[in-house]
Amino acid sequence: MAGGSTPISDGIELELMYKYADLGDIETGWDTFNTPADEKWDGDLKSNQVSLGLVFKL
């Protein structure tokens, strides 16, 4: 996680944050009969998030 904030007026800050998560390989479902109807998924689970917010200091 990385980010920062900067004051934009008295008691208010603008905040920018970045989060990255790599949860590795995933596999789910079944593949019993090897038909297109079988629900088997596999792959990499990764997430990138960017957020922008206001922080009010009371």
Protein backbone atom coordinates (compact mmCIF):
# COMPACT_ATOMS: atom_id res chain seq x y z
CA MET A 1 0.00 0.00 0.00
CA ALA A 2 1.27 3.46 -0.87
CA GLY A 3 -0.19 6.91 -0.89
CA GLY A 4 -0.18 10.35 0.52
CA SER A 5 -2.22 13.41 1.28
CA THR A 6 -1.93 17.15 0.89
CA PRO A 7 -3.85 19.93 2.65
CA ILE A 8 -6.29 21.83 0.43
CA SER A 9 -7.74 24.10 3.14
CA ASP A 10 -7.91 24.38 6.92
CA GLY A 11 -8.89 20.97 8.25
CA ILE A 12 -9.35 19.30 4.84
CA GLU A 13 -6.83 17.08 3.05
CA LEU A 14 -6.90 15.42 -0.37
CA GLU A 15 -5.76 11.80 -0.14
CA LEU A 16 -4.56 9.45 -2.91
CA MET A 17 -3.97 5.76 -2.12
CA TYR A 18 -2.78 2.73 -4.15
CA LYS A 19 -3.14 -0.92 -3.10
CA TYR A 20 -1.84 -4.04 -4.85
CA ALA A 21 -2.53 -7.64 -3.84
CA ASP A 22 -1.22 -10.83 -5.46
CA LEU A 23 -3.07 -13.79 -3.95
CA GLY A 24 -1.44 -16.35 -6.23
CA ASP A 25 -2.91 -19.17 -8.29
CA ILE A 26 -6.55 -20.17 -7.86
CA GLU A 27 -8.54 -23.18 -9.00
CA THR A 28 -12.21 -23.75 -8.44
CA GLY A 29 -15.09 -25.94 -9.58
CA TRP A 30 -15.01 -29.39 -11.05
CA ASP A 31 -14.17 -31.08 -14.35
CA THR A 32 -15.82 -34.47 -13.98
CA PHE A 33 -16.94 -35.18 -17.55
CA ASN A 34 -14.73 -32.69 -19.42
CA THR A 35 -17.69 -31.03 -21.16
CA PRO A 36 -18.29 -27.30 -21.79
CA ALA A 37 -20.97 -27.34 -19.06
CA ASP A 38 -18.42 -28.21 -16.35
CA GLU A 39 -17.48 -25.21 -14.20
CA LYS A 40 -13.72 -25.29 -13.69
CA TRP A 41 -11.74 -22.07 -13.52
CA ASP A 42 -8.09 -21.52 -12.81
CA GLY A 43 -5.80 -18.53 -13.03
CA ASP A 44 -4.01 -15.82 -11.07
CA LEU A 45 -5.85 -13.66 -8.56
CA LYS A 46 -4.45 -10.12 -8.53
CA SER A 47 -5.94 -6.77 -7.55
CA ASN A 48 -4.98 -3.14 -8.22
CA GLN A 49 -6.92 -0.39 -6.43
CA VAL A 50 -6.60 3.39 -6.62
CA SER A 51 -8.67 5.62 -4.35
CA LEU A 52 -9.07 9.36 -4.04
CA GLY A 53 -10.68 10.86 -0.97
CA LEU A 54 -11.17 13.82 1.30
CA VAL A 55 -10.06 13.75 4.94
CA PHE A 56 -11.88 16.09 7.32
CA LYS A 57 -9.96 16.90 10.51
CA LEU A 58 -12.45 17.90 13.18
